[in-house]
mmCIF file of all heavy atoms, coordinates in Angstrom:
data_MODEL
# 
_entry.id   MODEL 
# 
loop_
_atom_site.group_PDB 
_atom_site.id 
_atom_site.type_symbol 
_atom_site.label_atom_id 
_atom_site.label_alt_id 
_atom_site.label_comp_id 
_atom_site.label_asym_id 
_atom_site.label_entity_id 
_atom_site.label_seq_id 
_atom_site.pdbx_PDB_ins_code 
_atom_site.Cartn_x 
_atom_site.Cartn_y 
_atom_site.Cartn_z 
_atom_site.occupancy 
_atom_site.B_iso_or_equiv 
_atom_site.pdbx_formal_charge 
_atom_site.auth_seq_id 
_atom_site.auth_comp_id 
_atom_site.auth_asym_id 
_atom_site.auth_atom_id 
_atom_site.pdbx_PDB_model_num 
ATOM 1   N N   . ALA A 1 1  ? 124.165 83.634  77.695  1.00 0.00 ? 1  ALA A N   1 
ATOM 2   C CA  . ALA A 1 1  ? 124.223 82.987  76.408  1.00 0.00 ? 1  ALA A CA  1 
ATOM 3   C C   . ALA A 1 1  ? 124.350 84.075  75.303  1.00 0.00 ? 1  ALA A C   1 
ATOM 4   O O   . ALA A 1 1  ? 125.047 83.866  74.292  1.00 0.00 ? 1  ALA A O   1 
ATOM 5   C CB  . ALA A 1 1  ? 122.954 82.154  76.177  1.00 0.00 ? 1  ALA A CB  1 
ATOM 6   N N   . ILE A 1 2  ? 123.664 85.174  75.478  1.00 0.00 ? 2  ILE A N   1 
ATOM 7   C CA  . ILE A 1 2  ? 123.741 86.285  74.527  1.00 0.00 ? 2  ILE A CA  1 
ATOM 8   C C   . ILE A 1 2  ? 125.190 86.823  74.515  1.00 0.00 ? 2  ILE A C   1 
ATOM 9   O O   . ILE A 1 2  ? 125.709 87.134  73.452  1.00 0.00 ? 2  ILE A O   1 
ATOM 10  C CB  . ILE A 1 2  ? 122.705 87.360  74.900  1.00 0.00 ? 2  ILE A CB  1 
ATOM 11  C CG1 . ILE A 1 2  ? 121.320 86.901  74.583  1.00 0.00 ? 2  ILE A CG1 1 
ATOM 12  C CG2 . ILE A 1 2  ? 123.016 88.665  74.137  1.00 0.00 ? 2  ILE A CG2 1 
ATOM 13  C CD1 . ILE A 1 2  ? 120.206 87.794  75.137  1.00 0.00 ? 2  ILE A CD1 1 
ATOM 14  N N   . LEU A 1 3  ? 125.764 86.925  75.639  1.00 0.00 ? 3  LEU A N   1 
ATOM 15  C CA  . LEU A 1 3  ? 127.146 87.422  75.729  1.00 0.00 ? 3  LEU A CA  1 
ATOM 16  C C   . LEU A 1 3  ? 128.185 86.407  75.219  1.00 0.00 ? 3  LEU A C   1 
ATOM 17  O O   . LEU A 1 3  ? 129.120 86.762  74.466  1.00 0.00 ? 3  LEU A O   1 
ATOM 18  C CB  . LEU A 1 3  ? 127.495 87.821  77.160  1.00 0.00 ? 3  LEU A CB  1 
ATOM 19  C CG  . LEU A 1 3  ? 126.743 88.973  77.797  1.00 0.00 ? 3  LEU A CG  1 
ATOM 20  C CD1 . LEU A 1 3  ? 127.146 89.169  79.238  1.00 0.00 ? 3  LEU A CD1 1 
ATOM 21  C CD2 . LEU A 1 3  ? 126.931 90.275  76.971  1.00 0.00 ? 3  LEU A CD2 1 
ATOM 22  N N   . ASP A 1 4  ? 128.036 85.125  75.634  1.00 0.00 ? 4  ASP A N   1 
ATOM 23  C CA  . ASP A 1 4  ? 129.101 84.174  75.396  1.00 0.00 ? 4  ASP A CA  1 
ATOM 24  C C   . ASP A 1 4  ? 128.897 83.272  74.212  1.00 0.00 ? 4  ASP A C   1 
ATOM 25  O O   . ASP A 1 4  ? 129.873 82.691  73.669  1.00 0.00 ? 4  ASP A O   1 
ATOM 26  C CB  . ASP A 1 4  ? 129.269 83.349  76.644  1.00 0.00 ? 4  ASP A CB  1 
ATOM 27  C CG  . ASP A 1 4  ? 129.811 84.122  77.847  1.00 0.00 ? 4  ASP A CG  1 
ATOM 28  O OD1 . ASP A 1 4  ? 130.525 85.118  77.585  1.00 0.00 ? 4  ASP A OD1 1 
ATOM 29  O OD2 . ASP A 1 4  ? 129.464 83.802  78.981  1.00 0.00 ? 4  ASP A OD2 1 
ATOM 30  N N   . ASP A 1 5  ? 127.636 83.067  73.793  1.00 0.00 ? 5  ASP A N   1 
ATOM 31  C CA  . ASP A 1 5  ? 127.368 82.179  72.646  1.00 0.00 ? 5  ASP A CA  1 
ATOM 32  C C   . ASP A 1 5  ? 127.159 83.050  71.399  1.00 0.00 ? 5  ASP A C   1 
ATOM 33  O O   . ASP A 1 5  ? 127.826 82.844  70.363  1.00 0.00 ? 5  ASP A O   1 
ATOM 34  C CB  . ASP A 1 5  ? 126.167 81.299  72.889  1.00 0.00 ? 5  ASP A CB  1 
ATOM 35  C CG  . ASP A 1 5  ? 126.073 80.194  71.862  1.00 0.00 ? 5  ASP A CG  1 
ATOM 36  O OD1 . ASP A 1 5  ? 127.087 79.853  71.190  1.00 0.00 ? 5  ASP A OD1 1 
ATOM 37  O OD2 . ASP A 1 5  ? 124.969 79.639  71.649  1.00 0.00 ? 5  ASP A OD2 1 
ATOM 38  N N   . LEU A 1 6  ? 126.266 84.028  71.480  1.00 0.00 ? 6  LEU A N   1 
ATOM 39  C CA  . LEU A 1 6  ? 126.153 84.951  70.343  1.00 0.00 ? 6  LEU A CA  1 
ATOM 40  C C   . LEU A 1 6  ? 127.329 85.828  70.224  1.00 0.00 ? 6  LEU A C   1 
ATOM 41  O O   . LEU A 1 6  ? 127.734 86.285  69.121  1.00 0.00 ? 6  LEU A O   1 
ATOM 42  C CB  . LEU A 1 6  ? 124.931 85.849  70.546  1.00 0.00 ? 6  LEU A CB  1 
ATOM 43  C CG  . LEU A 1 6  ? 123.531 85.202  70.501  1.00 0.00 ? 6  LEU A CG  1 
ATOM 44  C CD1 . LEU A 1 6  ? 122.408 86.255  70.605  1.00 0.00 ? 6  LEU A CD1 1 
ATOM 45  C CD2 . LEU A 1 6  ? 123.317 84.411  69.213  1.00 0.00 ? 6  LEU A CD2 1 
ATOM 46  N N   . LYS A 1 7  ? 127.962 86.162  71.383  1.00 0.00 ? 7  LYS A N   1 
ATOM 47  C CA  . LYS A 1 7  ? 129.147 87.049  71.395  1.00 0.00 ? 7  LYS A CA  1 
ATOM 48  C C   . LYS A 1 7  ? 128.835 88.431  70.850  1.00 0.00 ? 7  LYS A C   1 
ATOM 49  O O   . LYS A 1 7  ? 129.563 88.992  70.034  1.00 0.00 ? 7  LYS A O   1 
ATOM 50  C CB  . LYS A 1 7  ? 130.338 86.421  70.664  1.00 0.00 ? 7  LYS A CB  1 
ATOM 51  C CG  . LYS A 1 7  ? 130.788 85.141  71.255  1.00 0.00 ? 7  LYS A CG  1 
ATOM 52  C CD  . LYS A 1 7  ? 132.082 84.634  70.614  1.00 0.00 ? 7  LYS A CD  1 
ATOM 53  C CE  . LYS A 1 7  ? 132.490 83.296  71.148  1.00 0.00 ? 7  LYS A CE  1 
ATOM 54  N NZ  . LYS A 1 7  ? 132.788 83.326  72.595  1.00 0.00 ? 7  LYS A NZ  1 
ATOM 55  N N   . VAL A 1 8  ? 127.718 89.020  71.357  1.00 0.00 ? 8  VAL A N   1 
ATOM 56  C CA  . VAL A 1 8  ? 127.310 90.347  70.868  1.00 0.00 ? 8  VAL A CA  1 
ATOM 57  C C   . VAL A 1 8  ? 128.357 91.378  71.275  1.00 0.00 ? 8  VAL A C   1 
ATOM 58  O O   . VAL A 1 8  ? 129.071 91.229  72.267  1.00 0.00 ? 8  VAL A O   1 
ATOM 59  C CB  . VAL A 1 8  ? 125.975 90.746  71.436  1.00 0.00 ? 8  VAL A CB  1 
ATOM 60  C CG1 . VAL A 1 8  ? 124.904 89.760  70.991  1.00 0.00 ? 8  VAL A CG1 1 
ATOM 61  C CG2 . VAL A 1 8  ? 125.967 90.927  72.912  1.00 0.00 ? 8  VAL A CG2 1 
ATOM 62  N N   . SER A 1 9  ? 128.458 92.425  70.476  1.00 0.00 ? 9  SER A N   1 
ATOM 63  C CA  . SER A 1 9  ? 129.446 93.467  70.781  1.00 0.00 ? 9  SER A CA  1 
ATOM 64  C C   . SER A 1 9  ? 128.783 94.730  71.350  1.00 0.00 ? 9  SER A C   1 
ATOM 65  O O   . SER A 1 9  ? 129.466 95.542  71.966  1.00 0.00 ? 9  SER A O   1 
ATOM 66  C CB  . SER A 1 9  ? 130.130 93.898  69.438  1.00 0.00 ? 9  SER A CB  1 
ATOM 67  O OG  . SER A 1 9  ? 129.204 94.308  68.475  1.00 0.00 ? 9  SER A OG  1 
ATOM 68  N N   . HIS A 1 10 ? 127.440 94.900  71.153  1.00 0.00 ? 10 HIS A N   1 
ATOM 69  C CA  . HIS A 1 10 ? 126.729 96.044  71.614  1.00 0.00 ? 10 HIS A CA  1 
ATOM 70  C C   . HIS A 1 10 ? 125.414 95.645  72.256  1.00 0.00 ? 10 HIS A C   1 
ATOM 71  O O   . HIS A 1 10 ? 124.741 94.730  71.743  1.00 0.00 ? 10 HIS A O   1 
ATOM 72  C CB  . HIS A 1 10 ? 126.454 97.006  70.457  1.00 0.00 ? 10 HIS A CB  1 
ATOM 73  C CG  . HIS A 1 10 ? 127.657 97.672  69.863  1.00 0.00 ? 10 HIS A CG  1 
ATOM 74  N ND1 . HIS A 1 10 ? 128.615 96.970  69.172  1.00 0.00 ? 10 HIS A ND1 1 
ATOM 75  C CD2 . HIS A 1 10 ? 128.073 98.950  69.896  1.00 0.00 ? 10 HIS A CD2 1 
ATOM 76  C CE1 . HIS A 1 10 ? 129.562 97.796  68.751  1.00 0.00 ? 10 HIS A CE1 1 
ATOM 77  N NE2 . HIS A 1 10 ? 129.219 99.010  69.220  1.00 0.00 ? 10 HIS A NE2 1 
ATOM 78  N N   . LEU A 1 11 ? 125.034 96.311  73.355  1.00 0.00 ? 11 LEU A N   1 
ATOM 79  C CA  . LEU A 1 11 ? 123.821 95.992  74.076  1.00 0.00 ? 11 LEU A CA  1 
ATOM 80  C C   . LEU A 1 11 ? 123.036 97.248  74.358  1.00 0.00 ? 11 LEU A C   1 
ATOM 81  O O   . LEU A 1 11 ? 123.614 98.350  74.637  1.00 0.00 ? 11 LEU A O   1 
ATOM 82  C CB  . LEU A 1 11 ? 124.131 95.358  75.435  1.00 0.00 ? 11 LEU A CB  1 
ATOM 83  C CG  . LEU A 1 11 ? 124.291 93.836  75.514  1.00 0.00 ? 11 LEU A CG  1 
ATOM 84  C CD1 . LEU A 1 11 ? 124.744 93.513  76.959  1.00 0.00 ? 11 LEU A CD1 1 
ATOM 85  C CD2 . LEU A 1 11 ? 122.960 93.147  75.253  1.00 0.00 ? 11 LEU A CD2 1 
ATOM 86  N N   . ARG A 1 12 ? 121.717 97.138  74.367  1.00 0.00 ? 12 ARG A N   1 
ATOM 87  C CA  . ARG A 1 12 ? 120.874 98.243  74.889  1.00 0.00 ? 12 ARG A CA  1 
ATOM 88  C C   . ARG A 1 12 ? 120.136 97.656  76.113  1.00 0.00 ? 12 ARG A C   1 
ATOM 89  O O   . ARG A 1 12 ? 119.359 96.666  75.999  1.00 0.00 ? 12 ARG A O   1 
ATOM 90  C CB  . ARG A 1 12 ? 119.884 98.723  73.872  1.00 0.00 ? 12 ARG A CB  1 
ATOM 91  C CG  . ARG A 1 12 ? 119.036 99.894  74.386  1.00 0.00 ? 12 ARG A CG  1 
ATOM 92  C CD  . ARG A 1 12 ? 118.169 100.516 73.277  1.00 0.00 ? 12 ARG A CD  1 
ATOM 93  N NE  . ARG A 1 12 ? 117.143 99.631  72.779  1.00 0.00 ? 12 ARG A NE  1 
ATOM 94  C CZ  . ARG A 1 12 ? 115.882 99.955  72.554  1.00 0.00 ? 12 ARG A CZ  1 
ATOM 95  N NH1 . ARG A 1 12 ? 115.457 101.211 72.774  1.00 0.00 ? 12 ARG A NH1 1 
ATOM 96  N NH2 . ARG A 1 12 ? 115.038 99.095  72.059  1.00 0.00 ? 12 ARG A NH2 1 
ATOM 97  N N   . LEU A 1 13 ? 120.387 98.238  77.284  1.00 0.00 ? 13 LEU A N   1 
ATOM 98  C CA  . LEU A 1 13 ? 119.722 97.781  78.527  1.00 0.00 ? 13 LEU A CA  1 
ATOM 99  C C   . LEU A 1 13 ? 118.855 98.870  79.063  1.00 0.00 ? 13 LEU A C   1 
ATOM 100 O O   . LEU A 1 13 ? 118.927 100.045 78.658  1.00 0.00 ? 13 LEU A O   1 
ATOM 101 C CB  . LEU A 1 13 ? 120.854 97.445  79.560  1.00 0.00 ? 13 LEU A CB  1 
ATOM 102 C CG  . LEU A 1 13 ? 121.836 96.377  79.178  1.00 0.00 ? 13 LEU A CG  1 
ATOM 103 C CD1 . LEU A 1 13 ? 122.924 96.200  80.268  1.00 0.00 ? 13 LEU A CD1 1 
ATOM 104 C CD2 . LEU A 1 13 ? 121.133 95.024  78.939  1.00 0.00 ? 13 LEU A CD2 1 
ATOM 105 N N   . SER A 1 14 ? 117.983 98.501  80.025  1.00 0.00 ? 14 SER A N   1 
ATOM 106 C CA  . SER A 1 14 ? 117.034 99.450  80.557  1.00 0.00 ? 14 SER A CA  1 
ATOM 107 C C   . SER A 1 14 ? 117.121 99.491  82.079  1.00 0.00 ? 14 SER A C   1 
ATOM 108 O O   . SER A 1 14 ? 117.179 98.446  82.756  1.00 0.00 ? 14 SER A O   1 
ATOM 109 C CB  . SER A 1 14 ? 115.603 99.068  80.165  1.00 0.00 ? 14 SER A CB  1 
ATOM 110 O OG  . SER A 1 14 ? 115.400 99.147  78.783  1.00 0.00 ? 14 SER A OG  1 
ATOM 111 N N   . ALA A 1 15 ? 117.144 100.688 82.638  1.00 0.00 ? 15 ALA A N   1 
ATOM 112 C CA  . ALA A 1 15 ? 117.068 100.872 84.085  1.00 0.00 ? 15 ALA A CA  1 
ATOM 113 C C   . ALA A 1 15 ? 115.614 101.033 84.494  1.00 0.00 ? 15 ALA A C   1 
ATOM 114 O O   . ALA A 1 15 ? 115.114 102.160 84.639  1.00 0.00 ? 15 ALA A O   1 
ATOM 115 C CB  . ALA A 1 15 ? 117.901 102.095 84.543  1.00 0.00 ? 15 ALA A CB  1 
ATOM 116 N N   . TYR A 1 16 ? 114.904 99.909  84.640  1.00 0.00 ? 16 TYR A N   1 
ATOM 117 C CA  . TYR A 1 16 ? 113.442 100.014 84.913  1.00 0.00 ? 16 TYR A CA  1 
ATOM 118 C C   . TYR A 1 16 ? 113.234 100.587 86.342  1.00 0.00 ? 16 TYR A C   1 
ATOM 119 O O   . TYR A 1 16 ? 113.837 100.114 87.319  1.00 0.00 ? 16 TYR A O   1 
ATOM 120 C CB  . TYR A 1 16 ? 112.858 98.592  84.854  1.00 0.00 ? 16 TYR A CB  1 
ATOM 121 C CG  . TYR A 1 16 ? 112.812 98.015  83.467  1.00 0.00 ? 16 TYR A CG  1 
ATOM 122 C CD1 . TYR A 1 16 ? 113.443 96.811  83.180  1.00 0.00 ? 16 TYR A CD1 1 
ATOM 123 C CD2 . TYR A 1 16 ? 112.133 98.659  82.457  1.00 0.00 ? 16 TYR A CD2 1 
ATOM 124 C CE1 . TYR A 1 16 ? 113.376 96.261  81.923  1.00 0.00 ? 16 TYR A CE1 1 
ATOM 125 C CE2 . TYR A 1 16 ? 112.087 98.118  81.197  1.00 0.00 ? 16 TYR A CE2 1 
ATOM 126 C CZ  . TYR A 1 16 ? 112.707 96.944  80.888  1.00 0.00 ? 16 TYR A CZ  1 
ATOM 127 O OH  . TYR A 1 16 ? 112.659 96.414  79.642  1.00 0.00 ? 16 TYR A OH  1 
ATOM 128 N N   . TRP A 1 17 ? 112.336 101.537 86.382  1.00 0.00 ? 17 TRP A N   1 
ATOM 129 C CA  . TRP A 1 17 ? 112.112 102.258 87.606  1.00 0.00 ? 17 TRP A CA  1 
ATOM 130 C C   . TRP A 1 17 ? 111.504 101.356 88.679  1.00 0.00 ? 17 TRP A C   1 
ATOM 131 O O   . TRP A 1 17 ? 111.936 101.343 89.845  1.00 0.00 ? 17 TRP A O   1 
ATOM 132 C CB  . TRP A 1 17 ? 111.168 103.454 87.373  1.00 0.00 ? 17 TRP A CB  1 
ATOM 133 C CG  . TRP A 1 17 ? 111.055 104.437 88.482  1.00 0.00 ? 17 TRP A CG  1 
ATOM 134 C CD1 . TRP A 1 17 ? 111.812 104.475 89.632  1.00 0.00 ? 17 TRP A CD1 1 
ATOM 135 C CD2 . TRP A 1 17 ? 110.147 105.552 88.539  1.00 0.00 ? 17 TRP A CD2 1 
ATOM 136 N NE1 . TRP A 1 17 ? 111.412 105.540 90.400  1.00 0.00 ? 17 TRP A NE1 1 
ATOM 137 C CE2 . TRP A 1 17 ? 110.408 106.213 89.760  1.00 0.00 ? 17 TRP A CE2 1 
ATOM 138 C CE3 . TRP A 1 17 ? 109.168 106.032 87.672  1.00 0.00 ? 17 TRP A CE3 1 
ATOM 139 C CZ2 . TRP A 1 17 ? 109.674 107.314 90.131  1.00 0.00 ? 17 TRP A CZ2 1 
ATOM 140 C CZ3 . TRP A 1 17 ? 108.450 107.160 88.079  1.00 0.00 ? 17 TRP A CZ3 1 
ATOM 141 C CH2 . TRP A 1 17 ? 108.695 107.801 89.261  1.00 0.00 ? 17 TRP A CH2 1 
ATOM 142 N N   . ASN A 1 18 ? 110.516 100.547 88.300  1.00 0.00 ? 18 ASN A N   1 
ATOM 143 C CA  . ASN A 1 18 ? 109.821 99.662  89.280  1.00 0.00 ? 18 ASN A CA  1 
ATOM 144 C C   . ASN A 1 18 ? 110.749 98.613  89.851  1.00 0.00 ? 18 ASN A C   1 
ATOM 145 O O   . ASN A 1 18 ? 110.606 98.192  90.970  1.00 0.00 ? 18 ASN A O   1 
ATOM 146 C CB  . ASN A 1 18 ? 108.548 99.014  88.653  1.00 0.00 ? 18 ASN A CB  1 
ATOM 147 C CG  . ASN A 1 18 ? 108.898 98.144  87.467  1.00 0.00 ? 18 ASN A CG  1 
ATOM 148 O OD1 . ASN A 1 18 ? 109.988 98.236  86.876  1.00 0.00 ? 18 ASN A OD1 1 
ATOM 149 N ND2 . ASN A 1 18 ? 107.992 97.279  87.139  1.00 0.00 ? 18 ASN A ND2 1 
ATOM 150 N N   . GLN A 1 19 ? 111.721 98.207  89.062  1.00 0.00 ? 19 GLN A N   1 
ATOM 151 C CA  . GLN A 1 19 ? 112.647 97.150  89.504  1.00 0.00 ? 19 GLN A CA  1 
ATOM 152 C C   . GLN A 1 19 ? 113.749 97.724  90.402  1.00 0.00 ? 19 GLN A C   1 
ATOM 153 O O   . GLN A 1 19 ? 114.181 97.057  91.379  1.00 0.00 ? 19 GLN A O   1 
ATOM 154 C CB  . GLN A 1 19 ? 113.246 96.473  88.278  1.00 0.00 ? 19 GLN A CB  1 
ATOM 155 C CG  . GLN A 1 19 ? 114.198 95.317  88.664  1.00 0.00 ? 19 GLN A CG  1 
ATOM 156 C CD  . GLN A 1 19 ? 114.723 94.648  87.397  1.00 0.00 ? 19 GLN A CD  1 
ATOM 157 O OE1 . GLN A 1 19 ? 114.164 94.732  86.289  1.00 0.00 ? 19 GLN A OE1 1 
ATOM 158 N NE2 . GLN A 1 19 ? 115.822 93.949  87.516  1.00 0.00 ? 19 GLN A NE2 1 
ATOM 159 N N   . ASN A 1 20 ? 114.222 98.868  90.061  1.00 0.00 ? 20 ASN A N   1 
ATOM 160 C CA  . ASN A 1 20 ? 115.393 99.411  90.754  1.00 0.00 ? 20 ASN A CA  1 
ATOM 161 C C   . ASN A 1 20 ? 115.080 100.364 91.897  1.00 0.00 ? 20 ASN A C   1 
ATOM 162 O O   . ASN A 1 20 ? 115.979 100.767 92.637  1.00 0.00 ? 20 ASN A O   1 
ATOM 163 C CB  . ASN A 1 20 ? 116.321 100.072 89.724  1.00 0.00 ? 20 ASN A CB  1 
ATOM 164 C CG  . ASN A 1 20 ? 116.904 99.084  88.770  1.00 0.00 ? 20 ASN A CG  1 
ATOM 165 O OD1 . ASN A 1 20 ? 117.787 98.263  89.174  1.00 0.00 ? 20 ASN A OD1 1 
ATOM 166 N ND2 . ASN A 1 20 ? 116.451 99.078  87.535  1.00 0.00 ? 20 ASN A ND2 1 
ATOM 167 N N   . GLU A 1 21 ? 113.834 100.772 92.015  1.00 0.00 ? 21 GLU A N   1 
ATOM 168 C CA  . GLU A 1 21 ? 113.355 101.529 93.184  1.00 0.00 ? 21 GLU A CA  1 
ATOM 169 C C   . GLU A 1 21 ? 111.977 101.006 93.616  1.00 0.00 ? 21 GLU A C   1 
ATOM 170 O O   . GLU A 1 21 ? 111.000 101.740 93.543  1.00 0.00 ? 21 GLU A O   1 
ATOM 171 C CB  . GLU A 1 21 ? 113.287 103.022 92.915  1.00 0.00 ? 21 GLU A CB  1 
ATOM 172 C CG  . GLU A 1 21 ? 113.133 103.880 94.169  1.00 0.00 ? 21 GLU A CG  1 
ATOM 173 C CD  . GLU A 1 21 ? 113.035 105.362 93.920  1.00 0.00 ? 21 GLU A CD  1 
ATOM 174 O OE1 . GLU A 1 21 ? 113.054 105.817 92.731  1.00 0.00 ? 21 GLU A OE1 1 
ATOM 175 O OE2 . GLU A 1 21 ? 112.855 106.129 94.864  1.00 0.00 ? 21 GLU A OE2 1 
ATOM 176 N N   . PRO A 1 22 ? 111.912 99.745  94.049  1.00 0.00 ? 22 PRO A N   1 
ATOM 177 C CA  . PRO A 1 22 ? 110.614 99.153  94.364  1.00 0.00 ? 22 PRO A CA  1 
ATOM 178 C C   . PRO A 1 22 ? 109.948 99.825  95.556  1.00 0.00 ? 22 PRO A C   1 
ATOM 179 O O   . PRO A 1 22 ? 108.743 99.813  95.680  1.00 0.00 ? 22 PRO A O   1 
ATOM 180 C CB  . PRO A 1 22 ? 110.923 97.696  94.682  1.00 0.00 ? 22 PRO A CB  1 
ATOM 181 C CG  . PRO A 1 22 ? 112.398 97.755  95.084  1.00 0.00 ? 22 PRO A CG  1 
ATOM 182 C CD  . PRO A 1 22 ? 113.024 98.796  94.243  1.00 0.00 ? 22 PRO A CD  1 
ATOM 183 N N   . ASP A 1 23 ? 110.772 100.411 96.468  1.00 0.00 ? 23 ASP A N   1 
ATOM 184 C CA  . ASP A 1 23 ? 110.289 101.177 97.589  1.00 0.00 ? 23 ASP A CA  1 
ATOM 185 C C   . ASP A 1 23 ? 110.864 102.633 97.474  1.00 0.00 ? 23 ASP A C   1 
ATOM 186 O O   . ASP A 1 23 ? 112.025 102.729 97.106  1.00 0.00 ? 23 ASP A O   1 
ATOM 187 C CB  . ASP A 1 23 ? 110.650 100.534 98.924  1.00 0.00 ? 23 ASP A CB  1 
ATOM 188 C CG  . ASP A 1 23 ? 110.101 99.156  99.073  1.00 0.00 ? 23 ASP A CG  1 
ATOM 189 O OD1 . ASP A 1 23 ? 108.887 98.976  99.029  1.00 0.00 ? 23 ASP A OD1 1 
ATOM 190 O OD2 . ASP A 1 23 ? 110.889 98.203  99.200  1.00 0.00 ? 23 ASP A OD2 1 
ATOM 191 N N   . GLN A 1 24 ? 110.062 103.570 97.762  1.00 0.00 ? 24 GLN A N   1 
ATOM 192 C CA  . GLN A 1 24 ? 110.528 104.969 97.554  1.00 0.00 ? 24 GLN A CA  1 
ATOM 193 C C   . GLN A 1 24 ? 111.806 105.247 98.337  1.00 0.00 ? 24 GLN A C   1 
ATOM 194 O O   . GLN A 1 24 ? 111.938 104.922 99.516  1.00 0.00 ? 24 GLN A O   1 
ATOM 195 C CB  . GLN A 1 24 ? 109.402 105.933 98.001  1.00 0.00 ? 24 GLN A CB  1 
ATOM 196 C CG  . GLN A 1 24 ? 109.686 107.362 97.593  1.00 0.00 ? 24 GLN A CG  1 
ATOM 197 C CD  . GLN A 1 24 ? 108.521 108.316 97.810  1.00 0.00 ? 24 GLN A CD  1 
ATOM 198 O OE1 . GLN A 1 24 ? 107.569 107.895 98.465  1.00 0.00 ? 24 GLN A OE1 1 
ATOM 199 N NE2 . GLN A 1 24 ? 108.554 109.463 97.225  1.00 0.00 ? 24 GLN A NE2 1 
ATOM 200 N N   . ASN A 1 25 ? 112.763 105.785 97.561  1.00 0.00 ? 25 ASN A N   1 
ATOM 201 C CA  . ASN A 1 25 ? 114.098 106.191 98.103  1.00 0.00 ? 25 ASN A CA  1 
ATOM 202 C C   . ASN A 1 25 ? 114.933 105.016 98.541  1.00 0.00 ? 25 ASN A C   1 
ATOM 203 O O   . ASN A 1 25 ? 115.940 105.204 99.252  1.00 0.00 ? 25 ASN A O   1 
ATOM 204 C CB  . ASN A 1 25 ? 113.955 107.197 99.270  1.00 0.00 ? 25 ASN A CB  1 
ATOM 205 C CG  . ASN A 1 25 ? 113.260 108.471 98.835  1.00 0.00 ? 25 ASN A CG  1 
ATOM 206 O OD1 . ASN A 1 25 ? 113.470 108.972 97.749  1.00 0.00 ? 25 ASN A OD1 1 
ATOM 207 N ND2 . ASN A 1 25 ? 112.388 109.018 99.677  1.00 0.00 ? 25 ASN A ND2 1 
ATOM 208 N N   . LYS A 1 26 ? 114.556 103.802 98.130  1.00 0.00 ? 26 LYS A N   1 
ATOM 209 C CA  . LYS A 1 26 ? 115.346 102.601 98.487  1.00 0.00 ? 26 LYS A CA  1 
ATOM 210 C C   . LYS A 1 26 ? 115.695 101.913 97.155  1.00 0.00 ? 26 LYS A C   1 
ATOM 211 O O   . LYS A 1 26 ? 114.865 101.244 96.551  1.00 0.00 ? 26 LYS A O   1 
ATOM 212 C CB  . LYS A 1 26 ? 114.543 101.674 99.391  1.00 0.00 ? 26 LYS A CB  1 
ATOM 213 C CG  . LYS A 1 26 ? 114.278 102.240 100.769 1.00 0.00 ? 26 LYS A CG  1 
ATOM 214 C CD  . LYS A 1 26 ? 113.537 101.228 101.652 1.00 0.00 ? 26 LYS A CD  1 
ATOM 215 C CE  . LYS A 1 26 ? 113.281 101.834 103.011 1.00 0.00 ? 26 LYS A CE  1 
ATOM 216 N NZ  . LYS A 1 26 ? 112.479 100.901 103.880 1.00 0.00 ? 26 LYS A NZ  1 
ATOM 217 N N   . TYR A 1 27 ? 116.958 102.120 96.723  1.00 0.00 ? 27 TYR A N   1 
ATOM 218 C CA  . TYR A 1 27 ? 117.399 101.619 95.429  1.00 0.00 ? 27 TYR A CA  1 
ATOM 219 C C   . TYR A 1 27 ? 117.919 100.202 95.563  1.00 0.00 ? 27 TYR A C   1 
ATOM 220 O O   . TYR A 1 27 ? 118.632 99.859  96.496  1.00 0.00 ? 27 TYR A O   1 
ATOM 221 C CB  . TYR A 1 27 ? 118.447 102.568 94.859  1.00 0.00 ? 27 TYR A CB  1 
ATOM 222 C CG  . TYR A 1 27 ? 117.976 103.956 94.710  1.00 0.00 ? 27 TYR A CG  1 
ATOM 223 C CD1 . TYR A 1 27 ? 118.630 104.999 95.360  1.00 0.00 ? 27 TYR A CD1 1 
ATOM 224 C CD2 . TYR A 1 27 ? 116.877 104.261 93.893  1.00 0.00 ? 27 TYR A CD2 1 
ATOM 225 C CE1 . TYR A 1 27 ? 118.178 106.322 95.213  1.00 0.00 ? 27 TYR A CE1 1 
ATOM 226 C CE2 . TYR A 1 27 ? 116.418 105.595 93.725  1.00 0.00 ? 27 TYR A CE2 1 
ATOM 227 C CZ  . TYR A 1 27 ? 117.088 106.619 94.415  1.00 0.00 ? 27 TYR A CZ  1 
ATOM 228 O OH  . TYR A 1 27 ? 116.640 107.919 94.299  1.00 0.00 ? 27 TYR A OH  1 
# 
């Protein structure tokens, strides 16, 4: 909805460590 209804042009996203490497060395 943010992309298609608001139609934003710029985003700031986060590469959360706990979410993207929940187990050590397993991304």
